[in-house]
Amino acid sequence: MTTQPLETTVSPPRPPRRSPRFTLSRAGLWIFVGLACFLSLVPFYLMFVWASLPSSQIFTVPPHLWFGDALTSNFQKMMAATDNHALRQFWNSLYIAILSTVTTLFFCSLAGFAFAMYEFKGKRYLFGFILITMLIPPLVMDIPSFLVMNNFLHWIGTPRTLWVPGMANAFGIFLMRQYIFSALPKSLIEAARLDGATEFGIYTRVVLPLIRPILATLGIVTFVGSWNNFKGALIMRLSEDSTMTLPLSLRKITGGATNINADWGATLMMVVLTVLPLLIIFLLASRQVISGLTSGAVKD
């Protein structure tokens, strides 16, 4: 008579539970992050609060920390200080920033795609020339840009002087080329060609959806730079009320460099009008950047 050995099942030992450690370094890190967030958000909060206060209450000590009832009157003062052109000037800034962003994203991504995925004669020299132009200080180009716009194109005083010259800038082309070269495998482009896609169809249907993170990044940089372009609007003489942008209008209602007889309630209302679109654009685009950082970054 043979006996069968009893089968015993041994459950694997459970890993010991790790108790959360509240170390001094972690506590210091959380305090530092909280303090940094507080210091970053307080100026924006006070800006919105003080825009709703009368001018006589803005500089009081201790400062007011809650909203007032002068929001409507400050808006009316802002409109009066700009001869009822504040909303038109807001549209001018928005129009220039949107056109600058859209054209920059299109031409820079198209050029970056060509430099990353195509081989053509003189490619290295042309890309090297683009990189060299990044070494030129922007201040050096102010006078030549003005002369070209004034003597050859006759665009001085028009919004085109602010968004046309930067449609294919060197920084955008370099940024797009580097991202496309590292994120998109060439086998993906070749597979699209085998499926019968045209070159522009590959760009629109394959490349653009996979480079959304870098498009959002370049879009934020371009939009903010165009929206805050005070020097360019000043040099290109967008000084008429109908063509003026918000940075120039904000300087005008504050009395220029002297700030003489400035109505700070109206000024802070225009500051809110200037900052609010930037906050909205940043929140929307930054979410796209964070959620899609690894989109298309798979190599064979």
Protein backbone atom coordinates (compact mmCIF):
# COMPACT_ATOMS: atom_id res chain seq x y z
CA MET A 1 0.00 0.00 0.00
CA THR A 2 1.42 3.28 -1.13
CA THR A 3 0.69 6.55 0.52
CA GLN A 4 0.29 9.75 -1.45
CA PRO A 5 2.13 12.71 -0.06
CA LEU A 6 -0.23 15.40 1.15
CA GLU A 7 -0.17 18.50 -0.99
CA THR A 8 0.20 21.56 1.06
CA THR A 9 -0.22 25.07 -0.26
CA VAL A 10 1.97 27.65 1.28
CA SER A 11 0.83 31.20 0.81
CA PRO A 12 3.59 33.66 0.08
CA PRO A 13 4.48 35.87 2.99
CA ARG A 14 2.84 39.26 2.92
CA PRO A 15 5.18 42.16 2.61
CA PRO A 16 5.33 44.22 5.75
CA ARG A 17 3.29 47.36 5.68
CA ARG A 18 5.32 50.48 5.56
CA SER A 19 4.18 53.07 7.95
CA PRO A 20 4.26 56.57 6.51
CA ARG A 21 7.22 58.46 7.75
CA PHE A 22 6.75 62.07 8.66
CA THR A 23 10.30 63.25 8.54
CA LEU A 24 11.54 66.72 9.18
CA SER A 25 12.76 67.09 5.61
CA ARG A 26 9.33 66.18 4.19
CA ALA A 27 7.63 68.63 6.52
CA GLY A 28 10.04 71.34 5.44
CA LEU A 29 9.35 70.54 1.79
CA TRP A 30 5.59 70.83 2.28
CA ILE A 31 6.01 74.11 4.12
CA PHE A 32 8.22 75.47 1.35
CA VAL A 33 5.74 74.41 -1.39
CA GLY A 34 2.80 75.86 0.54
CA LEU A 35 4.62 79.13 1.13
CA ALA A 36 5.63 79.37 -2.54
CA CYS A 37 2.03 78.78 -3.65
CA PHE A 38 0.77 81.37 -1.18
CA LEU A 39 3.27 84.00 -2.33
CA SER A 40 2.41 83.28 -5.97
CA LEU A 41 -1.36 83.48 -5.57
CA VAL A 42 -1.66 86.42 -3.16
CA PRO A 43 -0.71 89.13 -5.72
CA PHE A 44 -3.35 87.87 -8.14
CA TYR A 45 -5.97 87.75 -5.41
CA LEU A 46 -5.16 91.27 -4.25
CA MET A 47 -5.23 92.50 -7.84
CA PHE A 48 -8.81 91.31 -8.29
CA VAL A 49 -9.82 92.61 -4.85
CA TRP A 50 -8.33 96.08 -5.31
CA ALA A 51 -9.89 96.40 -8.78
CA SER A 52 -13.26 96.42 -7.00
CA LEU A 53 -12.29 99.13 -4.48
CA PRO A 54 -12.40 102.91 -4.82
CA SER A 55 -9.05 104.59 -5.39
CA SER A 56 -9.09 106.04 -1.88
CA GLN A 57 -9.18 102.55 -0.31
CA ILE A 58 -6.51 100.82 -2.40
CA PHE A 59 -3.46 102.08 -0.47
CA THR A 60 -4.96 102.02 3.01
CA VAL A 61 -3.12 100.32 5.87
CA PRO A 62 -4.05 97.64 6.78
CA PRO A 63 -5.05 96.72 3.22
CA HIS A 64 -8.54 95.58 2.29
CA LEU A 65 -8.66 91.82 1.80
CA TRP A 66 -12.20 91.44 0.49
CA PHE A 67 -14.05 92.68 -2.55
CA GLY A 68 -15.66 96.10 -2.63
CA ASP A 69 -18.59 97.59 -4.50
CA ALA A 70 -16.73 99.89 -6.91
CA LEU A 71 -16.24 97.36 -9.70
CA THR A 72 -18.77 99.02 -12.02
CA SER A 73 -17.51 102.54 -11.35
CA ASN A 74 -13.89 101.48 -11.95
CA PHE A 75 -14.91 99.91 -15.24
CA GLN A 76 -16.65 103.12 -16.28
CA LYS A 77 -13.58 105.15 -15.29
CA MET A 78 -11.39 102.82 -17.34
CA MET A 79 -13.63 103.28 -20.37
CA ALA A 80 -13.61 107.06 -19.90
CA ALA A 81 -9.81 107.15 -19.53
CA THR A 82 -9.43 105.34 -22.86
CA ASP A 83 -12.16 107.34 -24.65
CA ASN A 84 -14.33 104.20 -24.74
CA HIS A 85 -11.66 102.29 -26.68
CA ALA A 86 -10.65 99.82 -23.94
CA LEU A 87 -12.64 96.91 -25.38
CA ARG A 88 -11.37 97.71 -28.88
CA GLN A 89 -7.82 97.72 -27.53
CA PHE A 90 -8.51 94.41 -25.81
CA TRP A 91 -9.61 93.02 -29.17
CA ASN A 92 -6.49 94.41 -30.86
CA SER A 93 -4.25 92.59 -28.38
CA LEU A 94 -6.29 89.39 -28.69
CA TYR A 95 -6.31 89.57 -32.49
CA ILE A 96 -2.55 90.05 -32.69
CA ALA A 97 -1.80 87.35 -30.10
CA ILE A 98 -4.08 84.76 -31.74
CA LEU A 99 -2.72 85.39 -35.24
CA SER A 100 0.84 85.34 -33.96
CA THR A 101 0.27 82.07 -32.09
CA VAL A 102 -1.57 80.26 -34.91
CA THR A 103 0.87 81.26 -37.64
CA THR A 104 3.91 80.52 -35.47
CA LEU A 105 2.64 77.05 -34.57
CA PHE A 106 1.84 76.24 -38.20
CA PHE A 107 5.04 77.42 -39.87
CA CYS A 108 7.42 76.38 -37.08
CA SER A 109 5.93 72.89 -36.80
CA LEU A 110 5.99 72.51 -40.59
CA ALA A 111 9.63 73.59 -40.76
CA GLY A 112 10.55 71.45 -37.75
CA PHE A 113 8.92 68.43 -39.38
CA ALA A 114 10.90 69.02 -42.57
CA PHE A 115 14.22 69.37 -40.73
CA ALA A 116 13.54 66.28 -38.60
CA MET A 117 12.17 63.83 -41.15
CA TYR A 118 13.47 64.83 -44.59
CA GLU A 119 16.87 64.80 -46.23
CA PHE A 120 17.62 67.55 -48.73
CA LYS A 121 20.63 69.40 -50.06
CA GLY A 122 22.01 72.04 -47.71
CA LYS A 123 19.90 70.88 -44.78
CA ARG A 124 22.69 71.06 -42.20
CA TYR A 125 23.88 74.48 -43.37
CA LEU A 126 20.37 75.93 -43.41
CA PHE A 127 19.60 74.60 -39.94
CA GLY A 128 22.94 75.90 -38.69
CA PHE A 129 22.11 79.34 -40.10
CA ILE A 130 18.79 79.28 -38.21
CA LEU A 131 20.63 78.45 -35.00
CA ILE A 132 23.09 81.30 -35.58
CA THR A 133 20.23 83.80 -35.85
CA MET A 134 19.23 82.85 -32.30
CA LEU A 135 22.49 84.41 -31.10
CA ILE A 136 21.52 87.88 -32.37
CA PRO A 137 20.13 90.06 -29.55
CA PRO A 138 16.53 91.16 -30.28
CA LEU A 139 17.41 94.79 -29.55
CA VAL A 140 19.76 94.82 -32.53
CA MET A 141 16.86 94.08 -34.89
CA ASP A 142 14.59 96.92 -33.75
CA ILE A 143 15.95 99.59 -36.11
CA PRO A 144 16.23 97.31 -39.20
CA SER A 145 12.70 96.00 -38.56
CA PHE A 146 11.35 99.53 -38.34
CA LEU A 147 13.10 100.56 -41.56
CA VAL A 148 11.77 97.55 -43.44
CA MET A 149 8.22 98.07 -42.19
CA ASN A 150 8.33 101.81 -42.87
CA ASN A 151 10.27 102.16 -46.13
CA PHE A 152 9.57 98.92 -48.00
CA LEU A 153 6.28 97.44 -46.75
CA HIS A 154 4.65 100.66 -45.50
CA TRP A 155 2.99 98.79 -42.64
CA ILE A 156 3.86 101.20 -39.82
CA GLY A 157 0.84 101.75 -37.57
CA THR A 158 -0.86 98.47 -38.53
CA PRO A 159 -1.13 95.22 -36.48
CA ARG A 160 0.69 93.26 -39.20
CA THR A 161 3.99 94.68 -38.01
CA LEU A 162 3.67 92.67 -34.80
CA TRP A 163 2.63 89.20 -35.95
CA VAL A 164 4.00 88.77 -39.49
CA PRO A 165 7.78 88.97 -38.72
CA GLY A 166 7.64 86.21 -36.09
CA MET A 167 5.66 83.62 -38.04
CA ALA A 168 8.70 81.38 -38.57
CA ASN A 169 11.08 82.30 -35.76
CA ALA A 170 14.29 80.40 -35.10
CA PHE A 171 13.41 79.36 -31.56
CA GLY A 172 10.12 77.78 -32.64
CA ILE A 173 11.71 75.90 -35.52
CA PHE A 174 14.52 74.60 -33.31
CA LEU A 175 12.08 73.54 -30.57
CA MET A 176 9.81 71.72 -33.01
CA ARG A 177 12.66 70.03 -34.82
CA GLN A 178 14.17 68.67 -31.62
CA TYR A 179 10.86 67.35 -30.30
CA ILE A 180 9.75 65.75 -33.57
CA PHE A 181 13.18 64.17 -34.09
CA SER A 182 13.11 62.57 -30.62
CA ALA A 183 9.40 61.73 -30.33
CA LEU A 184 8.39 60.45 -33.77
CA PRO A 185 9.99 57.33 -35.29
CA LYS A 186 10.66 57.51 -39.01
CA SER A 187 9.04 54.11 -39.42
CA LEU A 188 5.72 55.73 -38.51
CA ILE A 189 6.13 58.24 -41.34
CA GLU A 190 7.10 55.48 -43.78
CA ALA A 191 4.08 53.41 -42.75
CA ALA A 192 1.83 56.38 -43.47
CA ARG A 193 3.41 56.75 -46.91
CA LEU A 194 2.79 53.05 -47.63
CA ASP A 195 -0.86 53.57 -46.73
CA GLY A 196 -1.07 56.20 -49.44
CA ALA A 197 -1.02 59.35 -47.32
CA THR A 198 0.30 62.52 -48.90
CA GLU A 199 3.15 64.43 -47.30
CA PHE A 200 0.86 67.19 -46.08
CA GLY A 201 -1.63 64.54 -44.95
CA ILE A 202 1.13 62.92 -42.87
CA TYR A 203 1.82 66.29 -41.30
CA THR A 204 -1.80 67.02 -40.43
CA ARG A 205 -3.04 63.52 -39.52
CA VAL A 206 0.04 61.88 -38.00
CA VAL A 207 2.49 64.52 -36.84
CA LEU A 208 0.25 67.21 -35.35
CA PRO A 209 -1.76 64.89 -33.05
CA LEU A 210 1.47 63.44 -31.64
CA ILE A 211 3.20 66.74 -30.92
CA ARG A 212 0.38 68.39 -28.97
CA PRO A 213 2.52 68.86 -25.83
CA ILE A 214 5.16 70.90 -27.62
CA LEU A 215 2.48 72.78 -29.56
CA ALA A 216 0.89 73.79 -26.27
CA THR A 217 4.25 74.83 -24.84
CA LEU A 218 5.22 76.94 -27.83
CA GLY A 219 1.68 78.30 -27.99
CA ILE A 220 1.86 79.55 -24.39
CA VAL A 221 5.25 81.18 -24.95
CA THR A 222 4.14 82.84 -28.18
CA PHE A 223 0.77 84.04 -26.89
CA VAL A 224 2.20 85.52 -23.70
CA GLY A 225 5.07 87.18 -25.55
CA SER A 226 2.75 88.69 -28.16
CA TRP A 227 0.17 89.78 -25.58
CA ASN A 228 2.79 91.59 -23.49
CA ASN A 229 4.65 93.08 -26.46
CA PHE A 230 4.94 96.69 -25.28
CA LYS A 231 8.19 97.59 -27.02
CA GLY A 232 7.14 96.29 -30.43
CA ALA A 233 3.83 98.16 -30.36
CA LEU A 234 5.62 101.33 -29.28
CA ILE A 235 8.27 101.13 -32.01
CA MET A 236 5.76 100.29 -34.73
CA ARG A 237 3.68 103.32 -33.73
CA LEU A 238 0.42 101.67 -32.76
CA SER A 239 -0.39 104.84 -30.88
CA GLU A 240 -3.87 105.59 -32.24
CA ASP A 241 -6.77 104.71 -29.96
CA SER A 242 -8.23 102.38 -32.60
CA THR A 243 -4.97 100.44 -33.12
CA MET A 244 -3.45 100.65 -29.63
CA THR A 245 -2.87 97.45 -27.67
CA LEU A 246 -3.48 96.95 -23.96
CA PRO A 247 0.15 97.43 -22.80
CA LEU A 248 0.29 100.84 -24.50
CA SER A 249 -3.16 101.76 -23.22
CA LEU A 250 -2.19 100.78 -19.68
CA ARG A 251 0.83 103.07 -19.90
CA LYS A 252 -1.38 105.87 -21.20
CA ILE A 253 -3.98 105.80 -18.40
CA THR A 254 -1.28 105.69 -15.71
CA GLY A 255 0.22 108.94 -16.99
CA GLY A 256 3.31 107.40 -18.56
CA ALA A 257 6.49 107.14 -16.52
CA THR A 258 5.44 109.81 -14.00
CA ASN A 259 2.11 108.29 -12.90
CA ILE A 260 0.72 111.80 -12.39
CA ASN A 261 -3.01 111.93 -11.58
CA ALA A 262 -3.41 108.21 -12.19
CA ASP A 263 -6.75 106.71 -11.20
CA TRP A 264 -5.60 103.47 -9.60
CA GLY A 265 -9.07 101.96 -9.59
CA ALA A 266 -9.31 102.31 -13.37
CA THR A 267 -5.68 101.22 -13.71
CA LEU A 268 -6.21 98.03 -11.74
CA MET A 269 -9.36 97.32 -13.73
CA MET A 270 -7.29 97.44 -16.92
CA VAL A 271 -4.65 95.27 -15.26
CA VAL A 272 -7.36 92.69 -14.58
CA LEU A 273 -8.50 92.97 -18.20
CA THR A 274 -4.90 92.39 -19.28
CA VAL A 275 -4.08 89.47 -16.96
CA LEU A 276 -7.33 87.51 -17.10
CA PRO A 277 -6.89 86.08 -20.64
CA LEU A 278 -3.34 85.01 -19.79
CA LEU A 279 -4.57 83.10 -16.76
CA ILE A 280 -7.28 81.35 -18.80
CA ILE A 281 -4.92 80.46 -21.64
CA PHE A 282 -2.26 79.18 -19.24
CA LEU A 283 -4.68 76.99 -17.30
CA LEU A 284 -6.13 75.44 -20.45
CA ALA A 285 -2.81 74.90 -22.22
CA SER A 286 -0.86 73.77 -19.16
CA ARG A 287 -3.36 70.96 -18.64
CA GLN A 288 -2.68 69.81 -22.19
CA VAL A 289 1.06 69.92 -21.57
CA ILE A 290 0.89 67.92 -18.35
CA SER A 291 -1.54 65.29 -19.65
CA GLY A 292 0.30 64.68 -22.91
CA LEU A 293 3.98 64.81 -22.06
CA THR A 294 4.54 61.22 -23.23
CA SER A 295 2.18 61.36 -26.21
CA GLY A 296 3.88 59.86 -29.23
CA ALA A 297 7.21 59.40 -27.49
CA VAL A 298 7.48 55.66 -28.26
CA LYS A 299 10.50 54.50 -30.20
CA ASP A 300 10.85 51.24 -32.08
